Amino acid sequence: MNITDIIRNKRNGDELSHAEIETMVMGAATGSVPDYQLSAWLMAIYLQGMTENETTHLTDAMARSGDMLDLSSIPGIKVDKHSTGGVGDKVTLVLAPLVASAGLVVAKLSGRGLGHTGGTIDKLEAIPGFKTTISNQHFLQQLRHIGVAVAGQTQNLAPADKRLYALRDVTSTVESIPLIVASVLSKKIASGADVVVLDVKHGSGAFMPDYASAKTLAEMLAKVGKNLGRSVAVMLSDMEQPLGAHIGHTLEVEEAIQSLKGEGPEDLREVVLTLGAMQLMGGKKVATLEEGKALLAEKIASGEALAKFRAMIDAQGGDARVVDQPELMPHAARQVTYYAPQTGYIHALTALEVGNALKTLGGGRDSKEDILNLSVGVTLHRKRGDYVEAGDALATLHINRADTETEAMAALARAYHIENTPVNNTEALIGDLIWAG
C-alpha cells in the first residue's frame, strides 16, 4: 500500500480504511515508515480529524502493535485507571490498594512524568527498594496473591504509540483528540483489564485547557472503548489548581499514605472515592456510586486499604516501614516559605505554575531521559477561595539546590492570584460522569 496515497487521502479529508490505518501503525511500530511520512500523516489527522470509526481502528491497531497482556488466568474482574495528568495527582497511589481491598483485581501499568506533570512510577520510586520494573510473571503472580500491582509499562506494550507520541510532541499535534484517544486506550487495551475508568482533567495544569474540549475527549474515549469491547467510564475533573496539598514525589507518597489512613485532603478523597466507586460499579460489586463510596470509606476506616498498600510495597521489594516512618524516603535539605503579598481572597491558584515550580526545583522533566530529584516539592497551605492576610504562609518550597529558589518562588508568585472580593463561583471539582459498556 502506497504511503504517500494514505497521507494524501487523509490530507484531503477522506475516511481512511482499516487497512490504511493498519499500514501506518505497523510502519510506526516496525520503523518501516520514516519519521517524515509519519509526521505528515499526523499533521493531516490533526487538521482533518478522524471519524469514530477511524479512531476505533487506530486505537485497535496501536493496541495490537506489540505485546498484549493476557490476564485471563487471574480470577475475578480486572480493573484499570488512567488520568490524563495533572499537578499533585497522586490518585493511583490511594486508589489502587483501596479498590483492591474492596475485592477487585487492580492491574495498573503506569508511566513516568514529563514536563510539569508527575508520573505514578516516579512517585513510587521514592519508596526505598520499590521495584517499578517487574516481569510479566511477577506481575501476574502478584495479582493472584494480593490483587493489586502497579508497575511500569513494558518496552513492547503498544510500541507504535511510543513512536507516534514522540513525533506528536515535536510536530505540534499533541492536542488532536483522535490521537489522544488512541494513545490512552491502546495502552489500556493492551494491558488486558476488563474495566477501565478514566479521569479526564481540564484546566491550566491539564492536557485539555477547558471543560468543553475535555468533555469531547471523554465522550470519544467512552465510545471507542465500548466499540473495542471494554467497559469504559470517564470522569471529568478540575485541574485549574493542584490536587491535594503536596506536589513532589516523596511528598505525594506521604499524602497518599495519610489519605489511606483517612487523614488526607478532602479534594483528593472526593476524586478517589468517585473513581473507585465507578470501578466497583463496572466490576459489579455495587449498584450505585453512593454504595461504592460507602464501601470504600469503610475500607479506609477499617485499615484494610492501608494494609493492602503495605502488601503491595512489600511484594514489589519496597520498604513498607515508610507507612509509619516517612523519614525513610528522600527529603529536601531546606524549606522556604512563600508569604501572601497582600490581604484578600485567593481567586486562582494556577496549577501549571505550581508544576513549573516543582520542575524548577528538579522534580520535573524536559525529556524522558532526565533524572528526577524525588525529594523536592511544594506544600500548599492555602488554596482557591481562602481568605488570607498579608504575610500569611501560602506555600512552602522543599529545596535541595539554592540556585533554584528564586525561579521557583517567582512561579509561586505567578500561581497565586489574590483579590479584594470574595470568590463566588469556584469551579466544581468533579464534572460529568460518562458511561459506556
Protein backbone atom coordinates (compact mmCIF):
# COMPACT_ATOMS: atom_id res chain seq x y z
CA MET A 1 0.00 0.00 0.00
CA ASN A 2 1.43 3.36 -1.04
CA ILE A 3 2.23 5.52 2.00
CA THR A 4 2.02 8.76 0.02
CA ASP A 5 -1.51 7.88 -1.10
CA ILE A 6 -2.58 7.28 2.51
CA ILE A 7 -1.20 10.67 3.57
CA ARG A 8 -2.89 12.35 0.61
CA ASN A 9 -6.23 10.70 1.36
CA LYS A 10 -6.24 11.97 4.93
CA ARG A 11 -4.95 15.39 3.85
CA ASN A 12 -7.94 15.63 1.52
CA GLY A 13 -10.34 14.73 4.34
CA ASP A 14 -11.15 11.19 3.22
CA GLU A 15 -12.04 8.48 5.74
CA LEU A 16 -9.16 6.02 5.92
CA SER A 17 -9.81 2.28 5.66
CA HIS A 18 -8.84 -0.20 8.35
CA ALA A 19 -6.06 -1.46 6.05
CA GLU A 20 -4.65 2.03 5.50
CA ILE A 21 -4.58 2.75 9.22
CA GLU A 22 -3.03 -0.66 9.94
CA THR A 23 -0.29 0.05 7.39
CA MET A 24 0.69 3.32 9.04
CA VAL A 25 0.54 1.96 12.60
CA MET A 26 2.60 -1.14 11.85
CA GLY A 27 5.02 1.05 9.93
CA ALA A 28 5.41 3.17 13.05
CA ALA A 29 5.95 0.08 15.23
CA THR A 30 8.50 -1.60 12.94
CA GLY A 31 10.24 1.51 11.66
CA SER A 32 9.37 0.75 8.03
CA VAL A 33 7.63 4.13 7.61
CA PRO A 34 10.08 7.02 8.10
CA ASP A 35 9.51 9.86 10.56
CA TYR A 36 8.87 12.46 7.87
CA GLN A 37 5.94 10.49 6.43
CA LEU A 38 4.50 9.66 9.86
CA SER A 39 4.78 13.36 10.77
CA ALA A 40 2.90 14.38 7.62
CA TRP A 41 0.20 11.81 8.39
CA LEU A 42 -0.15 13.05 11.98
CA MET A 43 -0.50 16.64 10.79
CA ALA A 44 -3.15 15.57 8.28
CA ILE A 45 -5.07 13.87 11.13
CA TYR A 46 -4.67 16.98 13.29
CA LEU A 47 -6.07 19.21 10.55
CA GLN A 48 -8.81 16.93 9.17
CA GLY A 49 -9.74 14.93 12.26
CA MET A 50 -10.93 11.33 12.29
CA THR A 51 -14.34 9.73 12.43
CA GLU A 52 -15.34 7.49 15.33
CA ASN A 53 -14.79 4.51 13.04
CA GLU A 54 -11.28 5.65 12.09
CA THR A 55 -10.41 6.39 15.71
CA THR A 56 -11.57 2.93 16.74
CA HIS A 57 -9.43 1.28 14.04
CA LEU A 58 -6.43 3.43 15.01
CA THR A 59 -6.78 2.52 18.69
CA ASP A 60 -7.14 -1.20 17.92
CA ALA A 61 -4.14 -1.25 15.59
CA MET A 62 -1.97 0.58 18.10
CA ALA A 63 -3.00 -1.81 20.89
CA ARG A 64 -2.07 -4.79 18.72
CA SER A 65 1.23 -3.29 17.54
CA GLY A 66 3.11 -5.07 20.33
CA ASP A 67 2.53 -7.33 23.33
CA MET A 68 -1.00 -7.92 24.63
CA LEU A 69 -1.03 -8.76 28.34
CA ASP A 70 -3.31 -11.74 28.98
CA LEU A 71 -4.99 -11.51 32.41
CA SER A 72 -7.49 -14.31 31.78
CA SER A 73 -5.70 -16.64 34.21
CA ILE A 74 -6.37 -14.23 37.08
CA PRO A 75 -9.70 -14.94 38.83
CA GLY A 76 -12.13 -12.05 39.15
CA ILE A 77 -12.77 -8.83 37.29
CA LYS A 78 -9.66 -6.86 36.44
CA VAL A 79 -9.82 -3.06 36.55
CA ASP A 80 -7.53 -0.27 35.46
CA LYS A 81 -7.49 3.50 35.70
CA HIS A 82 -5.84 6.28 33.76
CA SER A 83 -5.56 10.01 34.31
CA THR A 84 -4.74 12.50 31.59
CA GLY A 85 -2.27 14.05 34.02
CA GLY A 86 -2.01 16.99 36.33
CA VAL A 87 -0.24 18.57 39.27
CA GLY A 88 -0.37 16.77 42.61
CA ASP A 89 -2.25 13.85 41.05
CA LYS A 90 -1.32 11.01 43.39
CA VAL A 91 -4.71 9.32 42.94
CA THR A 92 -3.39 5.93 41.79
CA LEU A 93 -1.30 5.56 44.97
CA VAL A 94 -4.51 5.71 47.01
CA LEU A 95 -7.00 4.23 44.58
CA ALA A 96 -5.21 1.02 43.59
CA PRO A 97 -4.83 -0.52 47.07
CA LEU A 98 -8.20 0.85 48.15
CA VAL A 99 -10.16 -0.75 45.31
CA ALA A 100 -8.18 -3.99 45.71
CA SER A 101 -9.15 -4.08 49.39
CA ALA A 102 -12.80 -3.98 48.22
CA GLY A 103 -12.38 -7.18 46.20
CA LEU A 104 -11.46 -6.19 42.65
CA VAL A 105 -8.17 -7.03 40.93
CA VAL A 106 -6.27 -3.83 40.10
CA ALA A 107 -3.79 -4.34 37.28
CA LYS A 108 -2.11 -0.98 36.66
CA LEU A 109 0.68 -0.29 34.21
CA SER A 110 1.77 3.32 34.62
CA GLY A 111 4.14 5.77 33.00
CA ARG A 112 6.62 8.40 34.04
CA GLY A 113 6.04 12.12 34.22
CA LEU A 114 7.06 14.59 31.56
CA GLY A 115 7.13 18.37 31.89
CA HIS A 116 5.23 19.72 34.89
CA THR A 117 3.08 16.60 35.41
CA GLY A 118 4.21 13.84 37.75
CA GLY A 119 4.22 10.14 36.90
CA THR A 120 2.98 7.42 39.24
CA ILE A 121 6.07 5.29 38.62
CA ASP A 122 8.38 8.17 39.59
CA LYS A 123 6.46 8.68 42.82
CA LEU A 124 6.61 5.03 43.80
CA GLU A 125 10.39 5.08 43.34
CA ALA A 126 10.60 7.47 46.31
CA ILE A 127 9.91 4.36 48.41
CA PRO A 128 13.29 2.72 49.11
CA GLY A 129 13.68 -0.54 47.22
CA PHE A 130 10.35 -0.35 45.38
CA LYS A 131 10.69 -2.10 42.00
CA THR A 132 8.63 -0.50 39.27
CA THR A 133 10.15 -2.73 36.60
CA ILE A 134 8.92 -6.28 37.12
CA SER A 135 8.45 -9.24 34.81
CA ASN A 136 5.06 -10.22 33.43
CA GLN A 137 5.28 -13.39 35.53
CA HIS A 138 5.88 -11.36 38.70
CA PHE A 139 3.04 -9.01 37.74
CA LEU A 140 0.58 -11.90 37.30
CA GLN A 141 1.72 -13.71 40.46
CA GLN A 142 1.31 -10.54 42.49
CA LEU A 143 -2.21 -10.05 41.14
CA ARG A 144 -3.11 -13.61 42.17
CA HIS A 145 -1.55 -13.21 45.60
CA ILE A 146 -2.67 -9.76 46.76
CA GLY A 147 -4.96 -8.48 43.99
CA VAL A 148 -3.01 -5.33 43.08
CA ALA A 149 0.14 -4.41 41.17
CA VAL A 150 1.34 -1.04 39.87
CA ALA A 151 4.34 -1.24 37.56
CA GLY A 152 5.99 0.45 34.61
CA GLN A 153 4.91 -0.33 31.08
CA THR A 154 6.91 -2.95 29.21
CA GLN A 155 9.00 -1.78 26.28
CA ASN A 156 6.85 -3.67 23.79
CA LEU A 157 3.45 -2.53 25.06
CA ALA A 158 1.84 -0.53 22.22
CA PRO A 159 5.22 0.34 20.63
CA ALA A 160 3.50 2.28 17.84
CA ASP A 161 2.22 4.71 20.45
CA LYS A 162 5.73 5.36 21.77
CA ARG A 163 6.97 6.41 18.35
CA LEU A 164 3.87 8.35 17.35
CA TYR A 165 3.74 10.17 20.70
CA ALA A 166 7.36 11.27 20.34
CA LEU A 167 6.57 12.64 16.88
CA ARG A 168 3.38 14.35 18.08
CA ASP A 169 5.42 16.15 20.70
CA VAL A 170 7.73 17.72 18.10
CA THR A 171 5.16 18.32 15.34
CA SER A 172 2.63 20.25 17.47
CA THR A 173 -0.07 17.61 17.02
CA VAL A 174 -0.41 16.56 20.65
CA GLU A 175 -3.85 18.15 21.09
CA SER A 176 -5.59 16.07 18.40
CA ILE A 177 -8.50 14.27 20.10
CA PRO A 178 -8.39 11.12 17.90
CA LEU A 179 -4.66 10.81 18.57
CA ILE A 180 -5.17 11.30 22.32
CA VAL A 181 -7.94 8.68 22.39
CA ALA A 182 -5.82 6.14 20.53
CA SER A 183 -2.79 6.80 22.71
CA VAL A 184 -4.67 6.45 26.00
CA LEU A 185 -6.89 3.50 25.13
CA SER A 186 -4.38 1.45 23.12
CA LYS A 187 -2.23 1.04 26.23
CA LYS A 188 -5.23 0.24 28.42
CA ILE A 189 -6.50 -2.39 25.96
CA ALA A 190 -3.02 -3.92 25.59
CA SER A 191 -2.83 -4.09 29.40
CA GLY A 192 -5.73 -6.54 29.47
CA ALA A 193 -8.18 -5.06 32.01
CA ASP A 194 -11.92 -5.76 31.75
CA VAL A 195 -12.99 -2.41 33.19
CA VAL A 196 -11.26 0.91 32.53
CA VAL A 197 -12.06 4.13 34.38
CA LEU A 198 -10.55 7.33 33.02
CA ASP A 199 -10.03 10.69 34.73
CA VAL A 200 -10.02 13.42 32.09
CA LYS A 201 -8.75 16.64 33.63
CA HIS A 202 -9.25 20.19 32.41
CA GLY A 203 -7.65 23.47 33.42
CA SER A 204 -4.26 25.15 33.45
CA GLY A 205 -2.42 22.11 34.79
CA ALA A 206 -4.08 19.62 32.45
CA PHE A 207 -3.83 18.34 28.90
CA MET A 208 -7.21 19.83 27.97
CA PRO A 209 -7.44 23.54 28.84
CA ASP A 210 -11.22 23.88 29.03
CA TYR A 211 -14.26 21.86 30.04
CA ALA A 212 -15.81 21.69 26.56
CA SER A 213 -12.75 20.12 24.93
CA ALA A 214 -12.31 17.75 27.88
CA LYS A 215 -15.91 16.57 27.54
CA THR A 216 -15.49 15.99 23.80
CA LEU A 217 -12.42 13.88 24.57
CA ALA A 218 -14.24 11.99 27.34
CA GLU A 219 -17.19 11.12 25.10
CA MET A 220 -14.94 9.80 22.34
CA LEU A 221 -12.92 7.74 24.84
CA ALA A 222 -16.12 6.10 26.09
CA LYS A 223 -17.43 5.39 22.58
CA VAL A 224 -14.18 3.90 21.28
CA GLY A 225 -13.69 1.82 24.41
CA LYS A 226 -17.17 0.37 24.00
CA ASN A 227 -16.53 -0.32 20.31
CA LEU A 228 -13.48 -2.37 21.32
CA GLY A 229 -15.37 -4.43 23.88
CA ARG A 230 -14.26 -2.75 27.07
CA SER A 231 -16.38 -1.39 29.90
CA VAL A 232 -15.26 2.24 29.98
CA ALA A 233 -16.35 5.05 32.26
CA VAL A 234 -14.97 8.58 32.26
CA MET A 235 -14.95 11.25 34.96
CA LEU A 236 -14.18 14.89 34.22
CA SER A 237 -12.30 16.74 36.95
CA ASP A 238 -10.83 20.18 37.55
CA MET A 239 -7.07 20.72 37.34
CA GLU A 240 -7.11 24.51 37.43
CA GLN A 241 -5.44 24.22 40.84
CA PRO A 242 -3.34 21.28 42.11
CA LEU A 243 -4.99 18.24 43.67
CA GLY A 244 -4.29 17.90 47.37
CA ALA A 245 -1.74 19.94 49.31
CA HIS A 246 1.54 18.25 48.35
CA ILE A 247 3.32 18.32 45.00
CA GLY A 248 6.51 16.32 44.59
CA HIS A 249 7.33 12.64 44.67
CA THR A 250 8.13 11.87 48.32
CA LEU A 251 5.59 14.46 49.43
CA GLU A 252 2.84 12.88 47.36
CA VAL A 253 3.56 9.40 48.67
CA GLU A 254 3.28 10.82 52.18
CA GLU A 255 -0.06 12.44 51.34
CA ALA A 256 -1.31 9.21 49.77
CA ILE A 257 -0.46 7.34 52.98
CA GLN A 258 -2.30 9.98 55.02
CA SER A 259 -5.31 9.54 52.74
CA LEU A 260 -5.27 5.76 53.20
CA LYS A 261 -5.32 6.46 56.94
CA GLY A 262 -8.39 8.67 56.46
CA GLU A 263 -6.43 11.85 57.17
CA GLY A 264 -5.83 13.22 53.67
CA PRO A 265 -7.24 16.35 51.99
CA GLU A 266 -10.90 16.39 51.07
CA ASP A 267 -10.44 17.10 47.35
CA LEU A 268 -8.18 14.07 46.91
CA ARG A 269 -10.61 11.90 48.87
CA GLU A 270 -13.52 13.03 46.68
CA VAL A 271 -11.71 12.15 43.45
CA VAL A 272 -10.52 8.79 44.79
CA LEU A 273 -13.92 7.73 46.13
CA THR A 274 -15.69 8.70 42.91
CA LEU A 275 -13.24 6.88 40.63
CA GLY A 276 -13.20 3.89 42.97
CA ALA A 277 -16.99 3.71 43.06
CA MET A 278 -17.04 3.82 39.26
CA GLN A 279 -14.63 0.88 39.18
CA LEU A 280 -16.76 -1.04 41.69
CA MET A 281 -19.85 -0.41 39.56
CA GLY A 282 -18.03 -1.59 36.44
CA GLY A 283 -16.87 -4.66 38.33
CA LYS A 284 -20.46 -5.42 39.50
CA LYS A 285 -19.52 -5.08 43.17
CA VAL A 286 -22.05 -2.30 43.83
CA ALA A 287 -25.12 -0.91 42.09
CA THR A 288 -24.69 2.82 42.75
CA LEU A 289 -22.00 5.42 43.23
CA GLU A 290 -23.20 6.09 46.77
CA GLU A 291 -22.94 2.41 47.68
CA GLY A 292 -19.46 2.25 46.20
CA LYS A 293 -18.24 5.33 48.05
CA ALA A 294 -19.62 3.98 51.33
CA LEU A 295 -17.85 0.64 50.84
CA LEU A 296 -14.55 2.34 50.07
CA ALA A 297 -14.89 4.65 53.07
CA GLU A 298 -15.35 1.54 55.24
CA LYS A 299 -12.16 0.00 53.82
CA ILE A 300 -10.23 3.15 54.75
CA ALA A 301 -11.73 3.33 58.23
CA SER A 302 -11.03 -0.36 58.92
CA GLY A 303 -7.38 -0.11 57.89
CA GLU A 304 -7.80 -2.70 55.12
CA ALA A 305 -6.85 -0.24 52.37
CA LEU A 306 -3.64 0.76 54.16
CA ALA A 307 -2.80 -2.89 54.78
CA LYS A 308 -3.17 -3.57 51.05
CA PHE A 309 -0.77 -0.72 50.29
CA ARG A 310 1.77 -2.22 52.69
CA ALA A 311 1.35 -5.60 50.97
CA MET A 312 1.89 -4.02 47.54
CA ILE A 313 5.07 -2.26 48.69
CA ASP A 314 6.40 -5.47 50.19
CA ALA A 315 5.51 -7.54 47.11
CA GLN A 316 7.48 -5.17 44.88
CA GLY A 317 10.58 -5.12 47.07
CA GLY A 318 9.93 -1.82 48.81
CA ASP A 319 10.42 -0.89 52.44
CA ALA A 320 6.88 -0.95 53.87
CA ARG A 321 8.12 0.82 57.02
CA VAL A 322 7.60 4.10 55.15
CA VAL A 323 3.91 3.83 56.02
CA ASP A 324 4.81 4.70 59.62
CA GLN A 325 8.27 6.18 59.06
CA PRO A 326 8.10 8.55 56.07
CA GLU A 327 11.53 9.86 57.00
CA LEU A 328 12.92 6.74 55.30
CA MET A 329 12.12 8.38 51.96
CA PRO A 330 14.33 11.12 50.46
CA HIS A 331 13.63 14.61 51.78
CA ALA A 332 14.91 18.02 50.71
CA ALA A 333 17.66 19.76 52.65
CA ARG A 334 15.85 23.06 53.14
CA GLN A 335 12.37 24.58 53.29
CA VAL A 336 11.49 28.11 52.20
CA THR A 337 8.07 29.69 52.69
CA TYR A 338 6.21 31.91 50.24
CA TYR A 339 4.06 34.52 52.01
CA ALA A 340 0.95 36.37 50.88
CA PRO A 341 1.94 39.72 49.36
CA GLN A 342 -1.45 41.27 50.19
CA THR A 343 -4.70 40.74 52.07
CA GLY A 344 -7.66 39.32 50.18
CA TYR A 345 -9.19 36.18 48.70
CA ILE A 346 -7.36 33.64 46.57
CA HIS A 347 -9.20 33.79 43.25
CA ALA A 348 -6.86 31.40 41.49
CA LEU A 349 -4.04 29.00 42.24
CA THR A 350 -2.73 28.16 38.80
CA ALA A 351 -1.74 24.51 38.68
CA LEU A 352 0.61 24.99 35.74
CA GLU A 353 2.73 27.49 37.67
CA VAL A 354 2.90 25.24 40.74
CA GLY A 355 4.01 22.46 38.40
CA ASN A 356 6.62 24.81 36.95
CA ALA A 357 7.91 25.48 40.47
CA LEU A 358 8.36 21.74 41.00
CA LYS A 359 10.10 21.40 37.65
CA THR A 360 12.46 24.27 38.50
CA LEU A 361 13.42 22.55 41.75
CA GLY A 362 14.37 19.41 39.82
CA GLY A 363 11.16 17.42 40.24
CA GLY A 364 10.08 17.55 36.58
CA ARG A 365 11.49 16.55 33.21
CA ASP A 366 12.17 18.22 29.88
CA SER A 367 12.88 14.82 28.31
CA LYS A 368 12.28 11.23 29.35
CA GLU A 369 16.00 10.78 29.98
CA ASP A 370 16.13 13.43 32.71
CA ILE A 371 16.79 12.15 36.24
CA LEU A 372 14.34 13.48 38.82
CA ASN A 373 15.07 14.76 42.30
CA LEU A 374 12.47 12.82 44.28
CA SER A 375 12.92 14.85 47.47
CA VAL A 376 11.92 18.32 46.26
CA GLY A 377 8.43 19.74 46.08
CA VAL A 378 5.79 22.21 47.16
CA THR A 379 3.42 22.15 50.12
CA LEU A 380 0.32 24.32 49.70
CA HIS A 381 -1.09 25.90 52.86
CA ARG A 382 -3.87 27.91 51.20
CA LYS A 383 -5.92 27.24 48.07
CA ARG A 384 -8.57 28.80 45.87
CA GLY A 385 -11.34 30.54 47.78
CA ASP A 386 -9.37 31.03 51.01
CA TYR A 387 -9.14 34.44 52.72
CA VAL A 388 -5.58 35.42 53.62
CA GLU A 389 -3.88 38.38 55.23
CA ALA A 390 -0.64 39.89 54.04
CA GLY A 391 2.23 37.86 55.45
CA ASP A 392 0.28 34.61 55.83
CA ALA A 393 2.12 31.48 54.69
CA LEU A 394 0.74 30.39 51.31
CA ALA A 395 3.16 27.63 50.33
CA THR A 396 6.47 26.03 51.27
CA LEU A 397 9.19 25.03 48.82
CA HIS A 398 11.25 21.93 49.60
CA ILE A 399 14.64 22.76 48.09
CA ASN A 400 17.93 20.97 47.56
CA ARG A 401 19.75 23.48 45.34
CA ALA A 402 19.93 27.13 46.36
CA ASP A 403 20.17 28.27 42.73
CA THR A 404 16.60 27.06 42.05
CA GLU A 405 14.94 29.11 44.80
CA THR A 406 14.46 32.45 43.03
CA GLU A 407 12.82 30.99 39.93
CA ALA A 408 10.61 28.62 41.94
CA MET A 409 9.43 31.47 44.18
CA ALA A 410 8.63 33.51 41.07
CA ALA A 411 6.49 30.64 39.78
CA LEU A 412 4.53 30.61 43.06
CA ALA A 413 4.06 34.38 42.80
CA ARG A 414 2.52 33.83 39.36
CA ALA A 415 0.41 30.95 40.65
CA TYR A 416 -1.43 32.83 43.41
CA HIS A 417 -3.95 35.49 42.37
CA ILE A 418 -5.33 37.46 45.34
CA GLU A 419 -8.14 40.00 45.03
CA ASN A 420 -10.24 42.02 47.48
CA THR A 421 -13.60 40.44 46.65
CA PRO A 422 -14.79 37.02 47.91
CA VAL A 423 -14.76 34.11 45.47
CA ASN A 424 -18.35 33.38 44.48
CA ASN A 425 -18.12 30.85 41.66
CA THR A 426 -15.34 28.33 42.07
CA GLU A 427 -15.49 25.54 39.54
CA ALA A 428 -16.79 22.17 40.72
CA LEU A 429 -14.02 19.64 41.32
CA ILE A 430 -15.88 16.80 39.61
CA GLY A 431 -17.96 17.35 36.47
CA ASP A 432 -19.83 14.93 34.27
CA LEU A 433 -19.53 11.16 34.57
CA ILE A 434 -19.75 9.42 31.20
CA TRP A 435 -20.55 5.72 30.90
CA ALA A 436 -20.24 3.25 28.03
CA GLY A 437 -20.35 -0.55 28.10
